[in-house]
Amino acid sequence: MPTSVCFVPLPPAVLSALLDGDLERARAATGVPLTEWFLSDEIAWLWRMRLDQIAADPGAAEWIVRAAVSVPDGAVVGAAGFHGPPDQDGMVEVGYSTDPAYRRRGYARAMLTELLRWAAAEPDVKTVRASIRPDNQASLATIAGFGFTHVGEQWDEEDGTEYLYERRP
């Protein structure tokens, strides 16, 4: 089980490099060894969405996706962040994904731990949300033990039904 992860920002220049398939440029810009997974179809869709989000709201860049780096070994194990800055009610939604080469080793829990720590340090954050498909057993297991409460469901155009879980930071 990893002790922890730290987050390295993925600014627009890095997201553009990833969309261009230029992993070396993205690595040089971040200073961390991003893996081939960052170019895979599993995660690459996110880079366009986040670039569009930053274009519409430059302040969102501080909140959204970052590379998750294992401490102390420096391996890039996934990506995590919030879906955006706190909304008018102080709610942020977590998002995290683990590179398949590092799954089932506790990295998702380490990413969630750091996201919750980050949210707790932000005075504008009043609620942390996780939205999870009912069949995503790995994510349901990841949030277990973190104090999330099931508060409802929503329909997502990409994922279909999602369960909503919330907690105080």
Protein backbone atom coordinates (compact mmCIF):
# COMPACT_ATOMS: atom_id res chain seq x y z
CA MET A 1 0.00 0.00 0.00
CA PRO A 2 1.47 3.36 -0.95
CA THR A 3 2.12 5.87 1.74
CA SER A 4 0.97 8.80 -0.31
CA VAL A 5 0.77 10.62 -3.59
CA CYS A 6 1.40 14.22 -4.51
CA PHE A 7 -0.17 16.10 -7.37
CA VAL A 8 1.61 17.76 -10.27
CA PRO A 9 -0.42 20.30 -12.27
CA LEU A 10 -1.27 19.58 -15.89
CA PRO A 11 -1.55 23.10 -17.34
CA PRO A 12 -3.03 23.78 -20.79
CA ALA A 13 0.33 23.38 -22.55
CA VAL A 14 0.63 19.86 -21.13
CA LEU A 15 -2.97 18.96 -21.99
CA SER A 16 -2.33 20.17 -25.56
CA ALA A 17 0.85 18.11 -25.79
CA LEU A 18 -1.07 15.03 -24.63
CA LEU A 19 -3.79 15.68 -27.21
CA ASP A 20 -1.06 15.97 -29.85
CA GLY A 21 0.32 12.61 -28.71
CA ASP A 22 3.59 14.26 -27.68
CA LEU A 23 4.41 12.48 -24.44
CA GLU A 24 8.00 13.78 -24.39
CA ARG A 25 6.83 17.42 -24.53
CA ALA A 26 4.30 16.72 -21.76
CA ARG A 27 6.96 15.03 -19.63
CA ALA A 28 9.37 17.92 -20.13
CA ALA A 29 6.70 20.45 -19.16
CA THR A 30 5.68 18.60 -15.98
CA GLY A 31 9.08 17.27 -14.95
CA VAL A 32 7.56 13.86 -14.16
CA PRO A 33 7.63 10.57 -16.11
CA LEU A 34 4.08 10.53 -17.47
CA THR A 35 3.24 7.05 -18.76
CA GLU A 36 1.84 5.95 -22.12
CA TRP A 37 -1.51 5.63 -20.33
CA PHE A 38 -1.81 9.43 -20.53
CA LEU A 39 -2.14 9.01 -24.32
CA SER A 40 -4.61 6.10 -24.15
CA ASP A 41 -8.25 6.29 -25.19
CA GLU A 42 -9.17 5.49 -21.58
CA ILE A 43 -8.07 8.93 -20.39
CA ALA A 44 -7.28 11.09 -23.45
CA TRP A 45 -10.91 12.26 -23.82
CA LEU A 46 -10.45 14.11 -20.53
CA TRP A 47 -7.72 16.39 -21.87
CA ARG A 48 -10.01 17.99 -24.50
CA MET A 49 -12.82 18.42 -21.97
CA ARG A 50 -10.51 20.08 -19.45
CA LEU A 51 -8.90 22.36 -22.07
CA ASP A 52 -12.36 23.52 -23.10
CA GLN A 53 -13.24 24.05 -19.44
CA ILE A 54 -10.14 26.19 -18.85
CA ALA A 55 -10.89 28.23 -21.98
CA ALA A 56 -14.37 28.99 -20.61
CA ASP A 57 -13.17 29.57 -17.03
CA PRO A 58 -9.40 30.13 -16.59
CA GLY A 59 -9.84 29.90 -12.80
CA ALA A 60 -10.82 26.24 -13.17
CA ALA A 61 -7.21 25.37 -14.03
CA GLU A 62 -6.27 25.47 -10.34
CA TRP A 63 -8.87 22.83 -9.48
CA ILE A 64 -8.94 20.31 -12.27
CA VAL A 65 -6.84 17.34 -13.29
CA ARG A 66 -3.29 16.75 -12.10
CA ALA A 67 -0.86 13.88 -12.41
CA ALA A 68 -0.73 11.70 -9.29
CA VAL A 69 2.84 10.85 -8.34
CA SER A 70 3.69 8.15 -5.80
CA VAL A 71 5.77 9.32 -2.86
CA PRO A 72 8.65 8.65 -2.40
CA ASP A 73 9.43 6.68 -5.57
CA GLY A 74 8.17 9.27 -8.08
CA ALA A 75 6.15 6.91 -10.29
CA VAL A 76 3.23 8.58 -12.05
CA VAL A 77 0.32 6.34 -11.05
CA GLY A 78 -2.74 8.18 -12.33
CA ALA A 79 -4.61 11.44 -12.58
CA ALA A 80 -6.85 13.21 -10.10
CA GLY A 81 -8.50 16.50 -9.36
CA PHE A 82 -11.88 18.12 -9.06
CA HIS A 83 -14.42 18.59 -11.82
CA GLY A 84 -14.03 22.32 -11.28
CA PRO A 85 -13.87 25.00 -8.60
CA PRO A 86 -16.47 25.06 -5.83
CA ASP A 87 -19.98 25.86 -7.08
CA GLN A 88 -22.23 28.53 -5.51
CA ASP A 89 -23.05 26.12 -2.67
CA GLY A 90 -19.40 25.27 -1.98
CA MET A 91 -19.54 21.81 -3.58
CA VAL A 92 -16.62 20.21 -5.43
CA GLU A 93 -16.69 16.83 -7.14
CA VAL A 94 -13.71 14.50 -7.01
CA GLY A 95 -12.37 12.70 -10.03
CA TYR A 96 -9.53 10.18 -10.08
CA SER A 97 -8.25 7.40 -12.30
CA THR A 98 -5.40 4.99 -11.80
CA ASP A 99 -3.07 3.87 -14.58
CA PRO A 100 -3.88 0.15 -15.13
CA ALA A 101 -0.24 -0.75 -14.42
CA TYR A 102 -0.73 0.54 -10.85
CA ARG A 103 -4.26 -0.61 -10.03
CA ARG A 104 -5.17 -2.66 -6.95
CA ARG A 105 -2.27 -1.23 -4.96
CA GLY A 106 -4.12 1.44 -2.99
CA TYR A 107 -3.28 4.39 -5.23
CA ALA A 108 -6.92 5.40 -5.80
CA ARG A 109 -7.40 5.61 -2.02
CA ALA A 110 -4.18 7.63 -1.75
CA MET A 111 -5.44 10.02 -4.45
CA LEU A 112 -8.81 10.38 -2.70
CA THR A 113 -7.04 11.03 0.61
CA GLU A 114 -5.08 13.89 -0.96
CA LEU A 115 -8.15 15.29 -2.72
CA LEU A 116 -10.01 15.36 0.60
CA ARG A 117 -7.03 17.00 2.30
CA TRP A 118 -6.96 19.62 -0.48
CA ALA A 119 -10.72 20.27 -0.15
CA ALA A 120 -10.44 20.59 3.64
CA ALA A 121 -7.77 23.28 3.24
CA GLU A 122 -10.03 25.40 1.01
CA PRO A 123 -12.38 27.65 3.00
CA ASP A 124 -14.88 27.89 0.11
CA VAL A 125 -15.43 24.12 0.02
CA LYS A 126 -18.42 22.98 2.08
CA THR A 127 -19.21 19.62 0.41
CA VAL A 128 -17.20 17.01 -1.47
CA ARG A 129 -19.13 14.86 -3.94
CA ALA A 130 -18.33 11.60 -5.71
CA SER A 131 -20.54 10.36 -8.55
CA ILE A 132 -20.12 6.67 -9.33
CA ARG A 133 -21.82 4.25 -11.69
CA PRO A 134 -23.60 1.49 -9.74
CA ASP A 135 -21.50 -1.17 -11.50
CA ASN A 136 -18.16 0.49 -10.70
CA GLN A 137 -17.28 -1.71 -7.76
CA ALA A 138 -13.69 -0.46 -7.60
CA SER A 139 -14.75 3.17 -7.08
CA LEU A 140 -17.48 2.20 -4.64
CA ALA A 141 -14.86 0.29 -2.64
CA THR A 142 -12.45 3.23 -2.87
CA ILE A 143 -14.82 5.69 -1.19
CA ALA A 144 -15.85 3.20 1.52
CA GLY A 145 -14.48 4.26 4.88
CA PHE A 146 -14.11 7.92 3.90
CA GLY A 147 -17.41 9.04 5.42
CA PHE A 148 -19.36 9.53 2.21
CA THR A 149 -23.15 9.28 2.40
CA HIS A 150 -25.35 8.19 -0.50
CA VAL A 151 -27.53 11.24 -1.25
CA GLY A 152 -29.21 10.34 -4.55
CA GLU A 153 -28.76 9.52 -8.20
CA GLN A 154 -28.25 11.40 -11.43
CA TRP A 155 -28.25 10.64 -15.14
CA ASP A 156 -24.96 11.24 -16.94
CA GLU A 157 -24.92 11.36 -20.75
CA GLU A 158 -21.68 9.32 -20.85
CA ASP A 159 -22.09 6.94 -17.92
CA GLY A 160 -25.85 6.61 -17.49
CA THR A 161 -27.08 6.27 -13.91
CA GLU A 162 -24.64 7.44 -11.28
CA TYR A 163 -24.98 7.26 -7.52
CA LEU A 164 -24.18 10.48 -5.70
CA TYR A 165 -22.17 10.46 -2.49
CA GLU A 166 -21.28 13.47 -0.39
CA ARG A 167 -19.37 14.38 2.73
CA ARG A 168 -18.06 17.43 4.51
CA PRO A 169 -14.43 18.20 3.75
